[in-house]
Amino acid sequence: QRDTAAEPTLIHLTQHPPYPVTMAAHEAEWRKFFDAVDTNKSGSISCSELENLLTAIYDATGEKKGDIKKEAKDLLTLCDNDGSGEISWDEFRQAMMAGQS
């Protein structure tokens, strides 16, 4: 059985650390986040996994929940370049790189 106590939580991974400064460090952080959101370990992020992420963020921050299903679908549409209905690592990485510029 795996010790999950040391593993980062989704909320922890949504916070901006005081680092990284290199692209490799950014990508390592993005990969941790991607892997945490990809709860079924399929290698891609589904709409339901995005819904879980948004719910966790709203619960942790105490923000009023919006239309989570719509927000998740909008995020999926924004990142899903190949129309597969899921966000692959490459699509996620591209979206994160676009946010860096």
N, C-alpha and C. Protein backbone atom coordinates (compact mmCIF):
# COMPACT_ATOMS: atom_id res chain seq x y z
N GLN A 1 0.84 -1.19 0.00
CA GLN A 1 0.00 0.00 0.00
C GLN A 1 0.88 1.24 0.00
N ARG A 2 0.49 2.19 -0.79
CA ARG A 2 1.25 3.41 -1.01
C ARG A 2 1.00 4.43 0.10
N ASP A 3 2.05 5.12 0.53
CA ASP A 3 1.93 6.18 1.52
C ASP A 3 1.58 7.47 0.79
N THR A 4 0.32 7.89 0.92
CA THR A 4 -0.12 9.09 0.20
C THR A 4 0.03 10.36 1.02
N ALA A 5 0.48 10.24 2.27
CA ALA A 5 0.60 11.43 3.12
C ALA A 5 1.57 12.45 2.56
N ALA A 6 2.61 11.99 1.88
CA ALA A 6 3.62 12.91 1.35
C ALA A 6 3.27 13.43 -0.04
N GLU A 7 2.23 12.90 -0.64
CA GLU A 7 1.86 13.32 -1.99
C GLU A 7 1.14 14.67 -1.93
N PRO A 8 1.39 15.51 -2.94
CA PRO A 8 0.73 16.83 -2.95
C PRO A 8 -0.77 16.68 -3.19
N THR A 9 -1.52 17.58 -2.61
CA THR A 9 -2.96 17.60 -2.84
C THR A 9 -3.26 18.51 -4.02
N LEU A 10 -4.47 18.40 -4.56
CA LEU A 10 -4.87 19.28 -5.66
C LEU A 10 -4.78 20.74 -5.26
N ILE A 11 -5.21 21.04 -4.05
CA ILE A 11 -5.20 22.44 -3.61
C ILE A 11 -3.76 22.93 -3.48
N HIS A 12 -2.90 22.11 -2.92
CA HIS A 12 -1.49 22.48 -2.79
C HIS A 12 -0.91 22.80 -4.18
N LEU A 13 -1.27 22.00 -5.15
CA LEU A 13 -0.70 22.16 -6.48
C LEU A 13 -1.29 23.35 -7.25
N THR A 14 -2.39 23.91 -6.80
CA THR A 14 -2.95 25.08 -7.49
C THR A 14 -2.32 26.37 -6.98
N GLN A 15 -1.58 26.30 -5.90
CA GLN A 15 -0.94 27.48 -5.35
C GLN A 15 0.37 27.72 -6.08
N HIS A 16 0.67 28.98 -6.34
CA HIS A 16 1.90 29.32 -7.05
C HIS A 16 3.06 29.31 -6.07
N PRO A 17 4.04 28.45 -6.30
CA PRO A 17 5.20 28.43 -5.43
C PRO A 17 6.10 29.65 -5.68
N PRO A 18 6.99 29.97 -4.77
CA PRO A 18 7.89 31.11 -4.97
C PRO A 18 8.94 30.82 -6.04
N TYR A 19 8.94 29.66 -6.55
CA TYR A 19 9.80 29.20 -7.63
C TYR A 19 8.86 28.53 -8.60
N PRO A 20 9.10 27.96 -9.64
CA PRO A 20 10.37 27.70 -10.29
C PRO A 20 10.73 28.80 -11.26
N VAL A 21 11.95 28.83 -11.63
CA VAL A 21 12.40 29.87 -12.55
C VAL A 21 12.80 29.29 -13.91
N THR A 22 13.07 28.02 -13.99
CA THR A 22 13.44 27.41 -15.26
C THR A 22 12.22 26.72 -15.88
N MET A 23 12.25 26.56 -17.19
CA MET A 23 11.16 25.88 -17.88
C MET A 23 11.04 24.44 -17.40
N ALA A 24 12.16 23.78 -17.17
CA ALA A 24 12.13 22.40 -16.69
C ALA A 24 11.45 22.32 -15.32
N ALA A 25 11.72 23.30 -14.47
CA ALA A 25 11.08 23.32 -13.16
C ALA A 25 9.59 23.58 -13.29
N HIS A 26 9.22 24.50 -14.19
CA HIS A 26 7.80 24.74 -14.45
C HIS A 26 7.12 23.46 -14.90
N GLU A 27 7.73 22.79 -15.87
CA GLU A 27 7.13 21.58 -16.41
C GLU A 27 7.00 20.49 -15.36
N ALA A 28 7.96 20.39 -14.46
CA ALA A 28 7.87 19.40 -13.38
C ALA A 28 6.67 19.69 -12.49
N GLU A 29 6.46 20.96 -12.16
CA GLU A 29 5.30 21.35 -11.35
C GLU A 29 4.00 21.09 -12.10
N TRP A 30 3.96 21.44 -13.38
CA TRP A 30 2.77 21.21 -14.20
C TRP A 30 2.45 19.73 -14.26
N ARG A 31 3.49 18.90 -14.39
CA ARG A 31 3.28 17.45 -14.50
C ARG A 31 2.69 16.90 -13.20
N LYS A 32 3.19 17.37 -12.06
CA LYS A 32 2.63 16.95 -10.77
C LYS A 32 1.14 17.30 -10.71
N PHE A 33 0.82 18.50 -11.12
CA PHE A 33 -0.56 18.95 -11.10
C PHE A 33 -1.41 18.10 -12.04
N PHE A 34 -0.94 17.91 -13.27
CA PHE A 34 -1.65 17.10 -14.26
C PHE A 34 -1.92 15.70 -13.71
N ASP A 35 -0.89 15.09 -13.16
CA ASP A 35 -1.03 13.74 -12.63
C ASP A 35 -2.01 13.68 -11.45
N ALA A 36 -2.04 14.73 -10.64
CA ALA A 36 -2.98 14.76 -9.52
C ALA A 36 -4.41 14.91 -10.00
N VAL A 37 -4.63 15.68 -11.05
CA VAL A 37 -5.98 15.88 -11.58
C VAL A 37 -6.44 14.62 -12.33
N ASP A 38 -5.52 13.94 -12.99
CA ASP A 38 -5.82 12.71 -13.73
C ASP A 38 -5.98 11.56 -12.74
N THR A 39 -7.07 11.57 -12.01
CA THR A 39 -7.26 10.63 -10.91
C THR A 39 -7.40 9.18 -11.35
N ASN A 40 -7.86 8.94 -12.57
CA ASN A 40 -7.98 7.56 -13.03
C ASN A 40 -6.72 7.08 -13.74
N LYS A 41 -5.72 7.95 -13.81
CA LYS A 41 -4.41 7.63 -14.39
C LYS A 41 -4.49 7.15 -15.83
N SER A 42 -5.41 7.76 -16.59
CA SER A 42 -5.59 7.40 -18.00
C SER A 42 -4.58 8.09 -18.90
N GLY A 43 -3.89 9.10 -18.37
CA GLY A 43 -2.95 9.86 -19.19
C GLY A 43 -3.58 11.10 -19.79
N SER A 44 -4.85 11.34 -19.48
CA SER A 44 -5.52 12.55 -19.93
C SER A 44 -6.52 12.99 -18.86
N ILE A 45 -6.95 14.24 -18.97
CA ILE A 45 -7.89 14.81 -18.00
C ILE A 45 -9.26 14.89 -18.66
N SER A 46 -10.24 14.28 -18.02
CA SER A 46 -11.61 14.27 -18.53
C SER A 46 -12.40 15.43 -17.95
N CYS A 47 -13.58 15.63 -18.50
CA CYS A 47 -14.46 16.69 -17.99
C CYS A 47 -14.84 16.43 -16.54
N SER A 48 -15.10 15.17 -16.19
CA SER A 48 -15.47 14.87 -14.80
C SER A 48 -14.30 15.12 -13.85
N GLU A 49 -13.07 14.88 -14.31
CA GLU A 49 -11.91 15.18 -13.47
C GLU A 49 -11.75 16.69 -13.29
N LEU A 50 -12.06 17.47 -14.34
CA LEU A 50 -12.06 18.92 -14.20
C LEU A 50 -13.13 19.38 -13.21
N GLU A 51 -14.30 18.75 -13.26
CA GLU A 51 -15.36 19.08 -12.31
C GLU A 51 -14.90 18.81 -10.88
N ASN A 52 -14.22 17.69 -10.67
CA ASN A 52 -13.70 17.38 -9.33
C ASN A 52 -12.69 18.41 -8.87
N LEU A 53 -11.83 18.83 -9.79
CA LEU A 53 -10.84 19.86 -9.46
C LEU A 53 -11.52 21.17 -9.07
N LEU A 54 -12.46 21.61 -9.87
CA LEU A 54 -13.16 22.87 -9.58
C LEU A 54 -13.91 22.79 -8.25
N THR A 55 -14.54 21.67 -7.98
CA THR A 55 -15.24 21.48 -6.71
C THR A 55 -14.26 21.58 -5.54
N ALA A 56 -13.10 20.92 -5.67
CA ALA A 56 -12.09 20.97 -4.61
C ALA A 56 -11.58 22.39 -4.38
N ILE A 57 -11.39 23.13 -5.46
CA ILE A 57 -10.91 24.51 -5.34
C ILE A 57 -11.97 25.37 -4.65
N TYR A 58 -13.22 25.25 -5.09
CA TYR A 58 -14.30 26.03 -4.45
C TYR A 58 -14.44 25.66 -2.98
N ASP A 59 -14.38 24.38 -2.68
CA ASP A 59 -14.51 23.95 -1.27
C ASP A 59 -13.37 24.49 -0.42
N ALA A 60 -12.15 24.46 -0.95
CA ALA A 60 -10.98 24.89 -0.18
C ALA A 60 -10.92 26.40 0.01
N THR A 61 -11.40 27.14 -0.98
CA THR A 61 -11.30 28.59 -0.91
C THR A 61 -12.54 29.24 -0.30
N GLY A 62 -13.62 28.47 -0.22
CA GLY A 62 -14.86 29.03 0.30
C GLY A 62 -15.59 29.90 -0.70
N GLU A 63 -15.10 29.91 -1.94
CA GLU A 63 -15.78 30.69 -2.97
C GLU A 63 -17.13 30.07 -3.29
N LYS A 64 -18.04 30.94 -3.70
CA LYS A 64 -19.35 30.45 -4.12
C LYS A 64 -19.19 29.63 -5.40
N LYS A 65 -19.80 28.48 -5.40
CA LYS A 65 -19.71 27.61 -6.57
C LYS A 65 -20.55 28.17 -7.70
N GLY A 66 -19.94 28.21 -8.87
CA GLY A 66 -20.65 28.60 -10.07
C GLY A 66 -21.24 27.36 -10.71
N ASP A 67 -21.45 27.42 -11.99
CA ASP A 67 -21.92 26.27 -12.75
C ASP A 67 -20.70 25.42 -13.09
N ILE A 68 -20.39 24.48 -12.22
CA ILE A 68 -19.15 23.70 -12.35
C ILE A 68 -19.12 22.91 -13.64
N LYS A 69 -20.24 22.33 -14.03
CA LYS A 69 -20.27 21.56 -15.28
C LYS A 69 -19.92 22.44 -16.47
N LYS A 70 -20.47 23.66 -16.50
CA LYS A 70 -20.19 24.59 -17.61
C LYS A 70 -18.73 25.04 -17.56
N GLU A 71 -18.24 25.36 -16.38
CA GLU A 71 -16.86 25.81 -16.25
C GLU A 71 -15.89 24.71 -16.70
N ALA A 72 -16.17 23.47 -16.31
CA ALA A 72 -15.32 22.34 -16.70
C ALA A 72 -15.36 22.15 -18.21
N LYS A 73 -16.54 22.24 -18.79
CA LYS A 73 -16.67 22.09 -20.25
C LYS A 73 -15.94 23.21 -20.97
N ASP A 74 -16.03 24.44 -20.45
CA ASP A 74 -15.32 25.57 -21.05
C ASP A 74 -13.81 25.36 -21.00
N LEU A 75 -13.30 24.88 -19.86
CA LEU A 75 -11.87 24.61 -19.74
C LEU A 75 -11.45 23.52 -20.71
N LEU A 76 -12.26 22.49 -20.81
CA LEU A 76 -11.97 21.39 -21.73
C LEU A 76 -11.92 21.90 -23.17
N THR A 77 -12.90 22.69 -23.55
CA THR A 77 -12.96 23.23 -24.91
C THR A 77 -11.74 24.11 -25.20
N LEU A 78 -11.33 24.86 -24.21
CA LEU A 78 -10.18 25.75 -24.37
C LEU A 78 -8.88 24.98 -24.63
N CYS A 79 -8.72 23.84 -23.97
CA CYS A 79 -7.45 23.11 -24.03
C CYS A 79 -7.45 21.92 -24.99
N ASP A 80 -8.61 21.38 -25.32
CA ASP A 80 -8.70 20.15 -26.11
C ASP A 80 -8.55 20.46 -27.60
N ASN A 81 -7.32 20.58 -28.05
CA ASN A 81 -7.04 20.99 -29.43
C ASN A 81 -7.39 19.93 -30.46
N ASP A 82 -7.34 18.66 -30.07
CA ASP A 82 -7.58 17.60 -31.05
C ASP A 82 -9.03 17.10 -31.05
N GLY A 83 -9.88 17.67 -30.19
CA GLY A 83 -11.29 17.30 -30.16
C GLY A 83 -11.57 15.93 -29.60
N SER A 84 -10.65 15.37 -28.80
CA SER A 84 -10.82 14.04 -28.24
C SER A 84 -11.82 14.00 -27.07
N GLY A 85 -12.14 15.16 -26.53
CA GLY A 85 -13.02 15.21 -25.37
C GLY A 85 -12.27 15.11 -24.05
N GLU A 86 -10.93 15.08 -24.13
CA GLU A 86 -10.09 15.04 -22.94
C GLU A 86 -8.85 15.89 -23.20
N ILE A 87 -8.16 16.25 -22.13
CA ILE A 87 -6.95 17.06 -22.25
C ILE A 87 -5.74 16.15 -22.05
N SER A 88 -4.95 16.01 -23.10
CA SER A 88 -3.72 15.21 -23.01
C SER A 88 -2.63 16.03 -22.31
N TRP A 89 -1.55 15.35 -21.94
CA TRP A 89 -0.42 16.05 -21.33
C TRP A 89 0.10 17.14 -22.28
N ASP A 90 0.24 16.83 -23.56
CA ASP A 90 0.75 17.82 -24.51
C ASP A 90 -0.17 19.03 -24.61
N GLU A 91 -1.48 18.81 -24.62
CA GLU A 91 -2.43 19.93 -24.67
C GLU A 91 -2.36 20.75 -23.39
N PHE A 92 -2.25 20.08 -22.26
CA PHE A 92 -2.14 20.77 -20.97
C PHE A 92 -0.86 21.61 -20.94
N ARG A 93 0.24 21.01 -21.36
CA ARG A 93 1.53 21.70 -21.39
C ARG A 93 1.46 22.93 -22.30
N GLN A 94 0.85 22.80 -23.47
CA GLN A 94 0.71 23.94 -24.38
C GLN A 94 -0.09 25.07 -23.74
N ALA A 95 -1.18 24.70 -23.06
CA ALA A 95 -2.01 25.71 -22.39
C ALA A 95 -1.22 26.42 -21.28
N MET A 96 -0.45 25.66 -20.54
CA MET A 96 0.35 26.26 -19.46
C MET A 96 1.45 27.14 -20.04
N MET A 97 2.07 26.73 -21.11
CA MET A 97 3.11 27.56 -21.74
C MET A 97 2.51 28.85 -22.28
N ALA A 98 1.31 28.79 -22.83
CA ALA A 98 0.65 29.99 -23.33
C ALA A 98 0.37 30.96 -22.19
N GLY A 99 0.10 30.44 -21.01
CA GLY A 99 -0.15 31.27 -19.84
C GLY A 99 1.11 31.92 -19.29
N GLN A 100 2.27 31.42 -19.66
CA GLN A 100 3.55 31.96 -19.20
C GLN A 100 3.98 33.17 -20.00
N SER A 101 3.43 33.34 -21.20
CA SER A 101 3.89 34.44 -22.06
C SER A 101 3.09 35.69 -21.85
